[in-house]
Amino acid sequence: MEDLLCKIRDCKVCEDHLPLGPRPIIEATKNSRIVLISQAPGRVVHQSGVAWKDQSGKKLREWLGVDDETFYNPENFAILPIGFCYPGKAKTGDLPPRKECAPLWHEDVWVEMDEVELKIIIGSYAGNYYLRKDLKLTEQVKNYTDYLPEFWPLPHPSPVNRFWRMKNPWFEENVVPKLQDKIAEILS
């Protein structure tokens, strides 16, 4: 696994298309139990090199019901984005993740992991890659039980998505407590 992570972190496939250059963000061990599959790191994460060390990460840890120490232990949570590098800024939010990363690296990562109990799909890009493309994110999240026990779809926790959360209060009222129970069960 360590050799593979080094190869991914040294990847320069998209170098000419990245406004801040390559800085692949990934965390995993052979024994990671939960895998967070999201879109791509944002600018703040690109600069720090620490996955989810931003406002989105703060909200995600709240949804998962874990503290920083638990979250940043790769035996607990692996970080496997669809795009490993910051793709650049869009009109609202960031550009979509680069399309090269997931097909190039994900299968190799899955082969190395033996203990995965849950794959958390975060946002529409990850949902469209791993789940049904014909369903919108809201439908995927509403019907999360259809994807269990392997996957659990979530909206992206970005502050940009606060309007989605306001329009869909059922998510934080009903789904998040069940997710927290599942995370606690896996990590106990």
Protein backbone atom coordinates (compact mmCIF):
# COMPACT_ATOMS: atom_id res chain seq x y z
CA MET A 1 0.00 0.00 0.00
CA GLU A 2 2.77 2.46 0.87
CA ASP A 3 4.38 2.05 -2.57
CA LEU A 4 1.03 2.69 -4.25
CA LEU A 5 0.38 5.80 -2.13
CA CYS A 6 3.84 7.12 -3.06
CA LYS A 7 3.11 6.58 -6.77
CA ILE A 8 -0.22 8.39 -6.48
CA ARG A 9 1.30 11.28 -4.52
CA ASP A 10 4.00 11.59 -7.24
CA CYS A 11 1.43 11.55 -10.09
CA LYS A 12 1.74 14.35 -12.63
CA VAL A 13 -0.71 13.11 -15.29
CA CYS A 14 -2.85 16.29 -15.11
CA GLU A 15 0.00 18.71 -14.41
CA ASP A 16 -0.77 20.96 -17.41
CA HIS A 17 -4.43 21.29 -16.40
CA LEU A 18 -4.09 22.21 -12.74
CA PRO A 19 -3.94 25.91 -11.80
CA LEU A 20 -1.86 25.28 -8.66
CA GLY A 21 0.02 22.26 -9.98
CA PRO A 22 -0.28 18.66 -8.80
CA ARG A 23 -0.54 17.83 -5.11
CA PRO A 24 -2.44 14.54 -4.91
CA ILE A 25 -4.31 14.11 -1.63
CA ILE A 26 -4.97 10.53 -0.50
CA GLU A 27 -4.84 8.69 2.82
CA ALA A 28 -5.32 4.96 3.34
CA THR A 29 -3.94 1.86 4.95
CA LYS A 30 -4.45 -1.78 4.19
CA ASN A 31 -6.74 -1.88 7.27
CA SER A 32 -8.84 1.26 6.72
CA ARG A 33 -12.41 0.46 7.73
CA ILE A 34 -14.32 3.37 6.23
CA VAL A 35 -13.49 4.98 2.89
CA LEU A 36 -14.53 8.55 2.16
CA ILE A 37 -15.00 8.94 -1.59
CA SER A 38 -15.46 12.59 -2.48
CA GLN A 39 -14.93 14.91 -5.43
CA ALA A 40 -11.50 16.60 -5.15
CA PRO A 41 -9.58 18.66 -2.62
CA GLY A 42 -10.34 22.37 -2.46
CA ARG A 43 -7.80 25.18 -2.55
CA VAL A 44 -7.39 25.31 1.26
CA VAL A 45 -6.72 21.55 1.39
CA HIS A 46 -4.33 21.81 -1.57
CA GLN A 47 -2.34 24.46 0.29
CA SER A 48 -2.22 22.56 3.60
CA GLY A 49 -1.89 19.06 2.14
CA VAL A 50 -4.32 17.79 4.79
CA ALA A 51 -7.57 16.26 3.52
CA TRP A 52 -10.79 17.79 4.81
CA LYS A 53 -8.91 20.43 6.85
CA ASP A 54 -11.43 23.13 5.93
CA GLN A 55 -15.03 24.15 6.61
CA SER A 56 -16.35 21.20 4.57
CA GLY A 57 -14.30 18.83 6.70
CA LYS A 58 -15.58 20.39 9.90
CA LYS A 59 -19.18 19.77 8.78
CA LEU A 60 -18.31 16.25 7.59
CA ARG A 61 -16.78 15.32 10.96
CA GLU A 62 -19.92 16.69 12.62
CA TRP A 63 -22.12 14.51 10.38
CA LEU A 64 -19.95 11.46 11.10
CA GLY A 65 -19.96 12.16 14.84
CA VAL A 66 -16.16 11.91 15.20
CA ASP A 67 -13.39 14.13 16.51
CA ASP A 68 -10.26 15.10 14.59
CA GLU A 69 -8.12 12.36 16.16
CA THR A 70 -10.56 9.63 15.11
CA PHE A 71 -11.10 11.14 11.67
CA TYR A 72 -7.42 11.57 10.82
CA ASN A 73 -6.49 8.03 11.82
CA PRO A 74 -6.24 6.29 8.41
CA GLU A 75 -6.99 2.94 10.08
CA ASN A 76 -10.47 4.42 10.64
CA PHE A 77 -10.99 6.62 7.56
CA ALA A 78 -9.31 6.37 4.19
CA ILE A 79 -9.55 9.41 1.89
CA LEU A 80 -10.09 8.46 -1.77
CA PRO A 81 -11.27 11.38 -3.91
CA ILE A 82 -12.48 11.05 -7.50
CA GLY A 83 -9.85 13.66 -8.40
CA PHE A 84 -6.75 13.77 -6.20
CA CYS A 85 -5.70 17.37 -6.95
CA TYR A 86 -7.36 20.76 -6.69
CA PRO A 87 -9.00 21.27 -10.12
CA GLY A 88 -9.42 25.06 -9.95
CA LYS A 89 -12.18 27.56 -9.27
CA ALA A 90 -15.56 27.63 -11.00
CA LYS A 91 -18.25 30.32 -10.88
CA THR A 92 -19.68 28.78 -7.71
CA GLY A 93 -17.42 26.37 -5.89
CA ASP A 94 -14.64 24.45 -7.57
CA LEU A 95 -14.35 22.90 -11.02
CA PRO A 96 -15.30 19.22 -11.36
CA PRO A 97 -12.63 16.69 -10.41
CA ARG A 98 -10.28 15.68 -13.20
CA LYS A 99 -11.58 12.58 -15.00
CA GLU A 100 -8.20 10.83 -15.14
CA CYS A 101 -7.66 10.01 -11.45
CA ALA A 102 -10.39 7.54 -10.49
CA PRO A 103 -10.00 5.24 -13.52
CA LEU A 104 -6.21 5.42 -13.21
CA TRP A 105 -5.88 4.69 -9.48
CA HIS A 106 -9.05 3.54 -7.68
CA GLU A 107 -8.96 -0.14 -8.63
CA ASP A 108 -5.34 -0.43 -7.48
CA VAL A 109 -6.28 1.14 -4.13
CA TRP A 110 -9.27 -1.22 -3.64
CA VAL A 111 -7.03 -4.24 -4.27
CA GLU A 112 -4.77 -3.14 -1.42
CA MET A 113 -7.52 -2.69 1.19
CA ASP A 114 -8.75 -5.73 3.12
CA GLU A 115 -10.87 -4.38 5.98
CA VAL A 116 -13.30 -1.89 4.37
CA GLU A 117 -16.73 -2.05 6.01
CA LEU A 118 -18.32 1.06 4.47
CA LYS A 119 -17.72 3.36 1.51
CA ILE A 120 -19.16 6.82 2.07
CA ILE A 121 -19.98 8.53 -1.20
CA ILE A 122 -19.76 12.32 -0.79
CA GLY A 123 -21.39 14.54 -3.40
CA SER A 124 -22.70 14.08 -6.91
CA TYR A 125 -19.37 13.43 -8.67
CA ALA A 126 -18.60 10.46 -6.43
CA GLY A 127 -22.25 9.37 -6.61
CA ASN A 128 -22.23 9.43 -10.40
CA TYR A 129 -19.01 7.44 -10.48
CA TYR A 130 -20.01 4.70 -8.01
CA LEU A 131 -23.82 4.72 -7.88
CA ARG A 132 -26.72 5.09 -10.31
CA LYS A 133 -26.11 7.96 -12.71
CA ASP A 134 -29.83 8.24 -13.48
CA LEU A 135 -30.64 9.44 -9.95
CA LYS A 136 -29.94 12.95 -8.72
CA LEU A 137 -27.94 13.37 -5.52
CA THR A 138 -31.04 14.08 -3.43
CA GLU A 139 -32.61 10.78 -4.52
CA GLN A 140 -29.39 8.89 -3.83
CA VAL A 141 -29.19 10.37 -0.32
CA LYS A 142 -32.91 9.83 0.37
CA ASN A 143 -32.61 6.20 -0.69
CA TYR A 144 -29.31 5.54 1.07
CA THR A 145 -30.57 2.19 2.41
CA ASP A 146 -30.73 0.91 -1.20
CA TYR A 147 -26.92 1.10 -1.30
CA LEU A 148 -26.16 -0.49 2.05
CA PRO A 149 -24.18 -2.33 3.29
CA GLU A 150 -21.46 -1.27 0.80
CA PHE A 151 -22.17 2.42 0.16
CA TRP A 152 -23.72 5.36 2.03
CA PRO A 153 -24.33 8.45 -0.14
CA LEU A 154 -24.11 11.94 1.37
CA PRO A 155 -24.37 15.46 -0.02
CA HIS A 156 -21.14 17.40 -0.11
CA PRO A 157 -20.68 19.20 3.24
CA SER A 158 -19.43 22.39 1.55
CA PRO A 159 -20.79 25.71 2.83
CA VAL A 160 -21.88 26.26 -0.80
CA ASN A 161 -24.43 23.46 -0.25
CA ARG A 162 -26.09 25.12 2.74
CA PHE A 163 -29.17 25.83 0.59
CA TRP A 164 -29.52 22.11 -0.20
CA ARG A 165 -29.43 21.37 3.53
CA MET A 166 -32.03 24.08 4.20
CA LYS A 167 -34.35 22.63 1.52
CA ASN A 168 -33.81 19.08 2.80
CA PRO A 169 -33.98 19.21 6.62
CA TRP A 170 -34.83 15.49 6.71
CA PHE A 171 -31.16 14.77 5.96
CA GLU A 172 -29.70 16.19 9.18
CA GLU A 173 -32.79 15.26 11.23
CA ASN A 174 -33.14 11.61 10.12
CA VAL A 175 -30.16 10.40 8.09
CA VAL A 176 -27.24 11.89 10.03
CA PRO A 177 -28.16 10.21 13.36
CA LYS A 178 -28.34 6.83 11.60
CA LEU A 179 -25.01 7.49 9.92
CA GLN A 180 -23.45 8.38 13.28
CA ASP A 181 -24.77 5.14 14.76
CA LYS A 182 -23.25 3.15 11.86
CA ILE A 183 -19.88 4.92 12.19
CA ALA A 184 -19.82 4.29 15.96
CA GLU A 185 -20.66 0.62 15.39
CA ILE A 186 -17.84 0.18 12.86
CA LEU A 187 -15.26 2.00 14.97
CA SER A 188 -16.15 0.34 18.29
